Amino acid sequence: MRHFQDQWIEDWCSDNGWTDLYVERCNNYWAFPPGAVIPEPIPPKTLRIIKLKEGLCDEEKLWLGLATGLTLFFLVLGCISQCPIPLVFAFAFDAVTAAWLDGEFIYPNYCLSQNNEV
């Protein structure tokens, strides 16, 4: 799942003089730093700061909305049918969605102070 919108990274690159942004894989961004001849990955600390500043991307919002909607649907279905099985399906879907949304690679055992500037 993508945790960043490309526009966020492009804005940071243009603000900091990095050029020719390239997305190698999902959430793996490379660009040319100022004065460099070889592209380098966007620093992980910078990605964490961008994520803290921008919040959820569109794909994350879609998955959260889908998980909420299906949970409510299965809750109503479970109440109508007087059976807990729909809630089991809701729990399973929500567990998978939570795993996809997990940003552990973005926030590895390390907390940023709110005073860091991008």
C-alpha atoms as a PDB file:
ATOM      1  CA  MET A   1       0.000   0.000   0.000  1.00  0.00           C
ATOM      2  CA  ARG A   2       1.223   3.448  -0.803  1.00  0.00           C
ATOM      3  CA  HIS A   3       1.708   5.603   2.272  1.00  0.00           C
ATOM      4  CA  PHE A   4       2.718   8.762   0.410  1.00  0.00           C
ATOM      5  CA  GLN A   5       1.286  10.764  -2.440  1.00  0.00           C
ATOM      6  CA  ASP A   6       3.860  11.465  -5.121  1.00  0.00           C
ATOM      7  CA  GLN A   7       2.941  15.148  -5.022  1.00  0.00           C
ATOM      8  CA  TRP A   8       4.097  15.399  -1.381  1.00  0.00           C
ATOM      9  CA  ILE A   9       7.517  14.038  -2.305  1.00  0.00           C
ATOM     10  CA  GLU A  10       7.725  16.187  -5.454  1.00  0.00           C
ATOM     11  CA  ASP A  11       6.921  19.288  -3.398  1.00  0.00           C
ATOM     12  CA  TRP A  12       9.641  18.435  -0.882  1.00  0.00           C
ATOM     13  CA  CYS A  13      12.127  17.801  -3.707  1.00  0.00           C
ATOM     14  CA  SER A  14      11.387  21.118  -5.386  1.00  0.00           C
ATOM     15  CA  ASP A  15      11.574  22.982  -2.047  1.00  0.00           C
ATOM     16  CA  ASN A  16      14.951  21.431  -1.201  1.00  0.00           C
ATOM     17  CA  GLY A  17      16.623  21.454  -4.628  1.00  0.00           C
ATOM     18  CA  TRP A  18      16.356  17.729  -5.349  1.00  0.00           C
ATOM     19  CA  THR A  19      15.580  16.879  -8.990  1.00  0.00           C
ATOM     20  CA  ASP A  20      14.317  14.024 -11.183  1.00  0.00           C
ATOM     21  CA  LEU A  21      12.204  12.147  -8.654  1.00  0.00           C
ATOM     22  CA  TYR A  22      11.955   8.436  -9.402  1.00  0.00           C
ATOM     23  CA  VAL A  23       9.680   5.930  -7.633  1.00  0.00           C
ATOM     24  CA  GLU A  24      11.558   2.621  -7.655  1.00  0.00           C
ATOM     25  CA  ARG A  25       8.943   0.628  -5.758  1.00  0.00           C
ATOM     26  CA  CYS A  26       5.968   1.505  -3.652  1.00  0.00           C
ATOM     27  CA  ASN A  27       7.155   4.012  -0.997  1.00  0.00           C
ATOM     28  CA  ASN A  28      10.768   3.887  -2.242  1.00  0.00           C
ATOM     29  CA  TYR A  29      11.705   7.291  -3.663  1.00  0.00           C
ATOM     30  CA  TRP A  30      14.970   8.348  -5.319  1.00  0.00           C
ATOM     31  CA  ALA A  31      16.109  11.739  -6.585  1.00  0.00           C
ATOM     32  CA  PHE A  32      19.232  13.752  -7.341  1.00  0.00           C
ATOM     33  CA  PRO A  33      20.339  15.873  -4.366  1.00  0.00           C
ATOM     34  CA  PRO A  34      21.629  19.373  -5.105  1.00  0.00           C
ATOM     35  CA  GLY A  35      24.917  19.151  -7.001  1.00  0.00           C
ATOM     36  CA  ALA A  36      24.939  15.348  -7.151  1.00  0.00           C
ATOM     37  CA  VAL A  37      25.473  13.190 -10.239  1.00  0.00           C
ATOM     38  CA  ILE A  38      24.069   9.972  -8.737  1.00  0.00           C
ATOM     39  CA  PRO A  39      20.513   9.686  -7.407  1.00  0.00           C
ATOM     40  CA  GLU A  40      20.057   8.889  -3.742  1.00  0.00           C
ATOM     41  CA  PRO A  41      17.048   7.625  -1.800  1.00  0.00           C
ATOM     42  CA  ILE A  42      14.987  10.277  -0.087  1.00  0.00           C
ATOM     43  CA  PRO A  43      16.150  10.052   3.551  1.00  0.00           C
ATOM     44  CA  PRO A  44      13.818   7.975   5.766  1.00  0.00           C
ATOM     45  CA  LYS A  45      13.743  10.721   8.386  1.00  0.00           C
ATOM     46  CA  THR A  46      12.485  13.118   5.722  1.00  0.00           C
ATOM     47  CA  LEU A  47       9.790  10.639   4.665  1.00  0.00           C
ATOM     48  CA  ARG A  48       8.665  10.323   8.295  1.00  0.00           C
ATOM     49  CA  ILE A  49       8.483  14.105   8.652  1.00  0.00           C
ATOM     50  CA  ILE A  50       6.476  14.407   5.419  1.00  0.00           C
ATOM     51  CA  LYS A  51       4.095  11.681   6.613  1.00  0.00           C
ATOM     52  CA  LEU A  52       3.596  13.378   9.988  1.00  0.00           C
ATOM     53  CA  LYS A  53       2.977  16.698   8.264  1.00  0.00           C
ATOM     54  CA  GLU A  54       0.612  15.472   5.518  1.00  0.00           C
ATOM     55  CA  GLY A  55      -1.307  12.679   7.283  1.00  0.00           C
ATOM     56  CA  LEU A  56      -3.152   9.948   5.420  1.00  0.00           C
ATOM     57  CA  CYS A  57      -2.926   9.615   1.646  1.00  0.00           C
ATOM     58  CA  ASP A  58      -5.961   8.944  -0.546  1.00  0.00           C
ATOM     59  CA  GLU A  59      -5.379   5.175  -0.688  1.00  0.00           C
ATOM     60  CA  GLU A  60      -5.185   4.938   3.106  1.00  0.00           C
ATOM     61  CA  LYS A  61      -8.387   6.973   3.457  1.00  0.00           C
ATOM     62  CA  LEU A  62     -10.123   4.664   0.966  1.00  0.00           C
ATOM     63  CA  TRP A  63      -9.127   1.529   2.899  1.00  0.00           C
ATOM     64  CA  LEU A  64     -10.161   3.057   6.224  1.00  0.00           C
ATOM     65  CA  GLY A  65     -13.537   4.048   4.790  1.00  0.00           C
ATOM     66  CA  LEU A  66     -14.016   0.600   3.295  1.00  0.00           C
ATOM     67  CA  ALA A  67     -13.124  -1.090   6.589  1.00  0.00           C
ATOM     68  CA  THR A  68     -15.515   1.161   8.517  1.00  0.00           C
ATOM     69  CA  GLY A  69     -18.333   0.661   6.019  1.00  0.00           C
ATOM     70  CA  LEU A  70     -17.988  -3.112   5.899  1.00  0.00           C
ATOM     71  CA  THR A  71     -17.770  -3.315   9.689  1.00  0.00           C
ATOM     72  CA  LEU A  72     -21.014  -1.386  10.040  1.00  0.00           C
ATOM     73  CA  PHE A  73     -22.661  -3.529   7.361  1.00  0.00           C
ATOM     74  CA  PHE A  74     -21.566  -6.758   9.076  1.00  0.00           C
ATOM     75  CA  LEU A  75     -22.655  -5.388  12.456  1.00  0.00           C
ATOM     76  CA  VAL A  76     -26.160  -4.735  11.141  1.00  0.00           C
ATOM     77  CA  LEU A  77     -26.198  -8.100   9.358  1.00  0.00           C
ATOM     78  CA  GLY A  78     -25.130  -9.839  12.589  1.00  0.00           C
ATOM     79  CA  CYS A  79     -27.880  -8.100  14.563  1.00  0.00           C
ATOM     80  CA  ILE A  80     -30.544  -8.943  11.994  1.00  0.00           C
ATOM     81  CA  SER A  81     -29.493 -12.581  11.666  1.00  0.00           C
ATOM     82  CA  GLN A  82     -28.708 -12.897  15.399  1.00  0.00           C
ATOM     83  CA  CYS A  83     -25.475 -14.620  14.475  1.00  0.00           C
ATOM     84  CA  PRO A  84     -21.884 -13.547  15.295  1.00  0.00           C
ATOM     85  CA  ILE A  85     -20.340 -14.958  12.110  1.00  0.00           C
ATOM     86  CA  PRO A  86     -20.630 -11.659  10.143  1.00  0.00           C
ATOM     87  CA  LEU A  87     -18.670  -9.967  12.927  1.00  0.00           C
ATOM     88  CA  VAL A  88     -15.920 -12.563  12.480  1.00  0.00           C
ATOM     89  CA  PHE A  89     -15.706 -11.592   8.800  1.00  0.00           C
ATOM     90  CA  ALA A  90     -15.572  -7.919   9.787  1.00  0.00           C
ATOM     91  CA  PHE A  91     -12.798  -8.614  12.288  1.00  0.00           C
ATOM     92  CA  ALA A  92     -10.793 -10.572   9.716  1.00  0.00           C
ATOM     93  CA  PHE A  93     -11.116  -7.816   7.101  1.00  0.00           C
ATOM     94  CA  ASP A  94     -10.225  -5.138   9.645  1.00  0.00           C
ATOM     95  CA  ALA A  95      -7.173  -7.107  10.819  1.00  0.00           C
ATOM     96  CA  VAL A  96      -5.870  -7.385   7.257  1.00  0.00           C
ATOM     97  CA  THR A  97      -6.581  -3.691   6.645  1.00  0.00           C
ATOM     98  CA  ALA A  98      -4.751  -2.718   9.845  1.00  0.00           C
ATOM     99  CA  ALA A  99      -1.752  -4.771   8.736  1.00  0.00           C
ATOM    100  CA  TRP A 100      -1.729  -2.997   5.368  1.00  0.00           C
ATOM    101  CA  LEU A 101      -1.965   0.388   7.073  1.00  0.00           C
ATOM    102  CA  ASP A 102       0.842  -0.402   9.497  1.00  0.00           C
ATOM    103  CA  GLY A 103       3.520   2.214   9.079  1.00  0.00           C
ATOM    104  CA  GLU A 104       6.236   0.402  11.013  1.00  0.00           C
ATOM    105  CA  PHE A 105       8.717   0.940   8.203  1.00  0.00           C
ATOM    106  CA  ILE A 106       7.914   4.647   8.350  1.00  0.00           C
ATOM    107  CA  TYR A 107       8.179   4.979  12.138  1.00  0.00           C
ATOM    108  CA  PRO A 108      10.791   2.416  13.260  1.00  0.00           C
ATOM    109  CA  ASN A 109      11.243   2.435  17.080  1.00  0.00           C
ATOM    110  CA  TYR A 110      11.929   6.075  16.939  1.00  0.00           C
ATOM    111  CA  CYS A 111       9.837   9.092  17.691  1.00  0.00           C
ATOM    112  CA  LEU A 112      10.288  12.465  16.069  1.00  0.00           C
ATOM    113  CA  SER A 113       9.768  15.609  18.035  1.00  0.00           C
ATOM    114  CA  GLN A 114       7.124  17.968  16.691  1.00  0.00           C
ATOM    115  CA  ASN A 115       9.736  20.731  16.320  1.00  0.00           C
ATOM    116  CA  ASN A 116      11.464  19.196  13.262  1.00  0.00           C
ATOM    117  CA  GLU A 117      11.085  21.193  10.101  1.00  0.00           C
ATOM    118  CA  VAL A 118      10.787  19.725   6.634  1.00  0.00           C
END
